[in-house]
């Protein structure tokens, strides 16, 4: 009889462990998704980066690493012209 009780206790412990692990993984996935959405929503204002709708010499948004065609930026909020410019311009590297 003690073998049966020990076996049941072992199953319960494994079951609790698996339930806890599944819960932890699910919670981490939800937390990670929420953090990813929050960071994607945080952008810098156009005024803060001195955005202008015209290029500065050869520097323009269409040649910037952060530019997302057709009219967006990974870092700056609002519509962005491919011919625009701001002070966080990062030229694309050619490989």
N, C-alpha and C. Protein backbone atom coordinates (compact mmCIF):
# COMPACT_ATOMS: atom_id res chain seq x y z
N UNK A 1 0.80 -1.19 0.00
CA UNK A 1 0.00 0.00 0.00
C UNK A 1 0.85 1.26 0.00
N UNK A 2 1.98 1.23 0.67
CA UNK A 2 2.85 2.40 0.67
C UNK A 2 3.43 2.64 -0.71
N UNK A 3 3.60 1.57 -1.52
CA UNK A 3 4.08 1.74 -2.89
C UNK A 3 3.07 2.51 -3.73
N UNK A 4 1.76 2.17 -3.54
CA UNK A 4 0.72 2.87 -4.27
C UNK A 4 0.69 4.34 -3.90
N UNK A 5 0.79 4.65 -2.63
CA UNK A 5 0.77 6.03 -2.17
C UNK A 5 1.97 6.79 -2.70
N UNK A 6 3.12 6.17 -2.67
CA UNK A 6 4.34 6.80 -3.19
C UNK A 6 4.24 7.06 -4.68
N UNK A 7 3.65 6.12 -5.42
CA UNK A 7 3.49 6.28 -6.86
C UNK A 7 2.53 7.42 -7.17
N UNK A 8 1.42 7.48 -6.45
CA UNK A 8 0.45 8.57 -6.63
C UNK A 8 1.10 9.91 -6.34
N UNK A 9 1.87 9.95 -5.26
CA UNK A 9 2.54 11.20 -4.87
C UNK A 9 3.52 11.63 -5.96
N UNK A 10 4.25 10.65 -6.53
CA UNK A 10 5.19 10.94 -7.62
C UNK A 10 4.47 11.48 -8.84
N UNK A 11 3.33 10.91 -9.19
CA UNK A 11 2.55 11.38 -10.34
C UNK A 11 2.05 12.79 -10.11
N UNK A 12 1.58 13.05 -8.90
CA UNK A 12 1.07 14.38 -8.59
C UNK A 12 2.18 15.43 -8.68
N UNK A 13 3.36 15.09 -8.21
CA UNK A 13 4.47 16.03 -8.27
C UNK A 13 4.87 16.31 -9.72
N UNK A 14 4.93 15.26 -10.53
CA UNK A 14 5.27 15.45 -11.94
C UNK A 14 4.18 16.25 -12.65
N UNK A 15 2.94 15.97 -12.33
CA UNK A 15 1.83 16.69 -12.94
C UNK A 15 1.90 18.17 -12.56
N UNK A 16 2.14 18.46 -11.32
CA UNK A 16 2.25 19.86 -10.88
C UNK A 16 3.43 20.55 -11.55
N UNK A 17 4.54 19.83 -11.66
CA UNK A 17 5.72 20.39 -12.31
C UNK A 17 5.42 20.73 -13.77
N UNK A 18 4.78 19.81 -14.49
CA UNK A 18 4.44 20.05 -15.89
C UNK A 18 3.44 21.20 -16.03
N UNK A 19 2.45 21.24 -15.15
CA UNK A 19 1.47 22.33 -15.20
C UNK A 19 2.16 23.67 -14.94
N UNK A 20 3.06 23.70 -14.01
CA UNK A 20 3.78 24.94 -13.70
C UNK A 20 4.66 25.37 -14.87
N UNK A 21 5.32 24.38 -15.50
CA UNK A 21 6.19 24.69 -16.63
C UNK A 21 5.39 25.25 -17.79
N UNK A 22 4.25 24.63 -18.10
CA UNK A 22 3.40 25.11 -19.19
C UNK A 22 2.88 26.51 -18.86
N UNK A 23 2.49 26.73 -17.65
CA UNK A 23 2.02 28.05 -17.24
C UNK A 23 3.11 29.11 -17.33
N UNK A 24 4.32 28.75 -16.95
CA UNK A 24 5.43 29.70 -17.01
C UNK A 24 5.78 30.05 -18.45
N UNK A 25 5.81 29.05 -19.32
CA UNK A 25 6.12 29.30 -20.72
C UNK A 25 5.04 30.18 -21.36
N UNK A 26 3.80 29.88 -21.08
CA UNK A 26 2.70 30.68 -21.62
C UNK A 26 2.75 32.11 -21.11
N UNK A 27 3.02 32.28 -19.84
CA UNK A 27 3.12 33.62 -19.27
C UNK A 27 4.28 34.40 -19.86
N UNK A 28 5.40 33.74 -20.07
CA UNK A 28 6.56 34.41 -20.67
C UNK A 28 6.26 34.83 -22.11
N UNK A 29 5.54 33.98 -22.84
CA UNK A 29 5.19 34.32 -24.22
C UNK A 29 4.27 35.53 -24.27
N UNK A 30 3.31 35.59 -23.38
CA UNK A 30 2.39 36.73 -23.33
C UNK A 30 3.14 37.99 -22.93
N UNK A 31 4.00 37.90 -21.95
CA UNK A 31 4.77 39.06 -21.50
C UNK A 31 5.70 39.56 -22.60
N UNK A 32 6.32 38.63 -23.32
CA UNK A 32 7.22 39.01 -24.42
C UNK A 32 6.47 39.69 -25.54
N UNK A 33 5.29 39.20 -25.87
CA UNK A 33 4.49 39.81 -26.93
C UNK A 33 4.05 41.20 -26.53
N UNK A 34 3.67 41.38 -25.27
CA UNK A 34 3.25 42.69 -24.80
C UNK A 34 4.43 43.67 -24.83
N UNK A 35 5.60 43.22 -24.44
CA UNK A 35 6.78 44.08 -24.46
C UNK A 35 7.16 44.44 -25.88
N UNK A 36 7.05 43.49 -26.81
CA UNK A 36 7.35 43.76 -28.21
C UNK A 36 6.41 44.81 -28.79
N UNK A 37 5.13 44.73 -28.46
CA UNK A 37 4.17 45.71 -28.96
C UNK A 37 4.43 47.08 -28.36
N UNK A 38 4.82 47.12 -27.11
CA UNK A 38 5.07 48.41 -26.46
C UNK A 38 6.28 49.09 -27.07
N UNK A 39 7.35 48.34 -27.33
CA UNK A 39 8.54 48.96 -27.89
C UNK A 39 8.31 49.39 -29.33
N UNK A 40 7.48 48.66 -30.07
CA UNK A 40 7.20 49.03 -31.45
C UNK A 40 6.40 50.32 -31.50
N UNK A 41 5.59 50.59 -30.48
CA UNK A 41 4.76 51.78 -30.47
C UNK A 41 5.54 53.03 -30.07
N UNK A 42 6.68 52.87 -29.42
CA UNK A 42 7.44 54.02 -28.94
C UNK A 42 8.33 54.56 -30.05
N UNK A 43 7.98 55.74 -30.57
CA UNK A 43 8.77 56.39 -31.60
C UNK A 43 9.07 57.81 -31.18
N UNK A 44 10.07 58.39 -31.82
CA UNK A 44 10.51 59.75 -31.52
C UNK A 44 9.69 60.72 -32.37
N UNK A 45 9.36 61.85 -31.81
CA UNK A 45 8.60 62.83 -32.58
C UNK A 45 9.47 63.43 -33.68
N UNK A 46 8.82 63.89 -34.73
CA UNK A 46 9.53 64.51 -35.85
C UNK A 46 10.27 65.76 -35.39
N UNK A 47 9.66 66.51 -34.50
CA UNK A 47 10.30 67.74 -34.00
C UNK A 47 11.58 67.43 -33.22
N UNK A 48 11.57 66.34 -32.45
CA UNK A 48 12.73 65.99 -31.62
C UNK A 48 13.96 65.64 -32.46
N UNK A 49 13.75 65.17 -33.68
CA UNK A 49 14.88 64.79 -34.54
C UNK A 49 15.11 65.83 -35.64
N UNK A 50 14.42 66.96 -35.55
CA UNK A 50 14.54 68.05 -36.53
C UNK A 50 14.27 67.56 -37.95
N UNK A 51 13.18 66.80 -38.10
CA UNK A 51 12.81 66.28 -39.42
C UNK A 51 12.45 67.42 -40.35
N UNK A 52 12.85 67.29 -41.61
CA UNK A 52 12.48 68.25 -42.65
C UNK A 52 12.08 67.46 -43.90
N UNK A 53 11.21 68.01 -44.72
CA UNK A 53 10.70 67.32 -45.90
C UNK A 53 11.64 67.35 -47.10
N UNK A 54 12.82 67.92 -46.95
CA UNK A 54 13.77 67.99 -48.06
C UNK A 54 15.12 67.43 -47.59
N UNK A 55 15.92 66.94 -48.53
CA UNK A 55 17.20 66.33 -48.15
C UNK A 55 18.23 67.36 -47.70
N UNK A 56 19.27 66.86 -47.07
CA UNK A 56 20.41 67.70 -46.70
C UNK A 56 21.60 67.15 -47.48
N UNK A 57 21.89 67.81 -48.60
CA UNK A 57 22.94 67.30 -49.49
C UNK A 57 22.52 65.96 -50.06
N UNK A 58 23.39 64.95 -49.90
CA UNK A 58 23.10 63.61 -50.39
C UNK A 58 22.35 62.78 -49.34
N UNK A 59 22.15 63.33 -48.16
CA UNK A 59 21.48 62.61 -47.08
C UNK A 59 19.97 62.78 -47.20
N UNK A 60 19.27 61.64 -47.32
CA UNK A 60 17.81 61.68 -47.39
C UNK A 60 17.26 60.37 -46.82
N UNK A 61 16.03 60.43 -46.36
CA UNK A 61 15.40 59.27 -45.70
C UNK A 61 15.41 58.02 -46.57
N UNK A 62 15.21 58.16 -47.87
CA UNK A 62 15.21 57.01 -48.77
C UNK A 62 16.52 56.24 -48.76
N UNK A 63 17.60 56.86 -48.31
CA UNK A 63 18.91 56.21 -48.22
C UNK A 63 19.29 55.85 -46.78
N UNK A 64 18.33 56.00 -45.87
CA UNK A 64 18.58 55.74 -44.45
C UNK A 64 18.23 54.30 -44.08
N UNK A 65 19.01 53.73 -43.20
CA UNK A 65 18.80 52.38 -42.71
C UNK A 65 17.46 52.22 -41.99
N UNK A 66 16.95 53.30 -41.40
CA UNK A 66 15.72 53.24 -40.61
C UNK A 66 14.46 53.45 -41.45
N UNK A 67 14.60 53.83 -42.71
CA UNK A 67 13.44 54.13 -43.56
C UNK A 67 12.69 52.85 -43.92
N UNK A 68 11.35 52.92 -43.86
CA UNK A 68 10.48 51.81 -44.23
C UNK A 68 9.57 52.30 -45.36
N UNK A 69 9.84 51.84 -46.59
CA UNK A 69 9.02 52.28 -47.72
C UNK A 69 7.55 51.94 -47.51
N UNK A 70 6.62 52.71 -47.98
CA UNK A 70 6.85 53.87 -48.83
C UNK A 70 7.03 55.18 -48.07
N UNK A 71 6.54 55.28 -46.82
CA UNK A 71 6.59 56.59 -46.15
C UNK A 71 6.63 56.48 -44.63
N UNK A 72 7.49 55.63 -44.12
CA UNK A 72 7.55 55.42 -42.67
C UNK A 72 9.00 55.28 -42.21
N UNK A 73 9.19 55.34 -40.90
CA UNK A 73 10.51 55.20 -40.30
C UNK A 73 10.40 54.29 -39.08
N UNK A 74 11.42 53.50 -38.83
CA UNK A 74 11.43 52.62 -37.67
C UNK A 74 11.49 53.40 -36.36
N UNK A 75 12.06 54.61 -36.41
CA UNK A 75 12.30 55.36 -35.18
C UNK A 75 11.49 56.64 -35.03
N UNK A 76 11.08 57.23 -36.15
CA UNK A 76 10.40 58.53 -36.11
C UNK A 76 8.91 58.35 -36.36
N UNK A 77 8.10 59.04 -35.59
CA UNK A 77 6.65 58.96 -35.67
C UNK A 77 6.12 59.80 -36.82
N UNK A 78 5.07 59.31 -37.45
CA UNK A 78 4.39 60.07 -38.49
C UNK A 78 4.87 59.73 -39.88
N UNK A 79 4.22 60.32 -40.88
CA UNK A 79 4.62 60.05 -42.26
C UNK A 79 5.99 60.66 -42.57
N UNK A 80 6.78 59.93 -43.32
CA UNK A 80 8.14 60.35 -43.64
C UNK A 80 8.31 60.33 -45.16
N UNK A 81 8.82 61.40 -45.71
CA UNK A 81 9.08 61.46 -47.14
C UNK A 81 10.42 60.80 -47.44
N UNK A 82 10.51 60.03 -48.53
CA UNK A 82 11.80 59.45 -48.90
C UNK A 82 12.84 60.53 -49.22
N UNK A 83 12.37 61.74 -49.52
CA UNK A 83 13.28 62.85 -49.81
C UNK A 83 13.56 63.69 -48.56
N UNK A 84 12.98 63.33 -47.42
CA UNK A 84 13.19 64.07 -46.19
C UNK A 84 14.54 63.79 -45.56
N UNK A 85 14.77 64.41 -44.40
CA UNK A 85 16.03 64.24 -43.67
C UNK A 85 15.79 64.55 -42.19
N UNK A 86 16.52 63.87 -41.32
CA UNK A 86 16.53 64.22 -39.90
C UNK A 86 17.93 63.96 -39.35
N UNK A 87 18.16 64.40 -38.13
CA UNK A 87 19.53 64.30 -37.60
C UNK A 87 19.92 62.90 -37.12
N UNK A 88 19.00 61.95 -37.14
CA UNK A 88 19.41 60.58 -36.79
C UNK A 88 19.59 59.73 -38.06
N UNK A 89 19.82 60.39 -39.17
CA UNK A 89 20.08 59.72 -40.45
C UNK A 89 21.23 58.74 -40.28
N UNK A 90 21.01 57.49 -40.74
CA UNK A 90 22.03 56.44 -40.71
C UNK A 90 22.11 55.86 -42.11
N UNK A 91 23.19 56.13 -42.83
CA UNK A 91 23.26 55.65 -44.21
C UNK A 91 23.26 54.12 -44.29
N UNK A 92 22.59 53.61 -45.32
CA UNK A 92 22.61 52.16 -45.55
C UNK A 92 24.01 51.78 -46.03
N UNK A 93 24.49 50.66 -45.57
CA UNK A 93 25.79 50.18 -46.02
C UNK A 93 25.59 49.27 -47.22
N UNK A 94 26.41 49.41 -48.18
CA UNK A 94 26.33 48.56 -49.36
C UNK A 94 27.22 47.36 -49.15
N UNK A 95 26.66 46.18 -49.49
CA UNK A 95 27.45 44.95 -49.33
C UNK A 95 27.80 44.34 -50.64
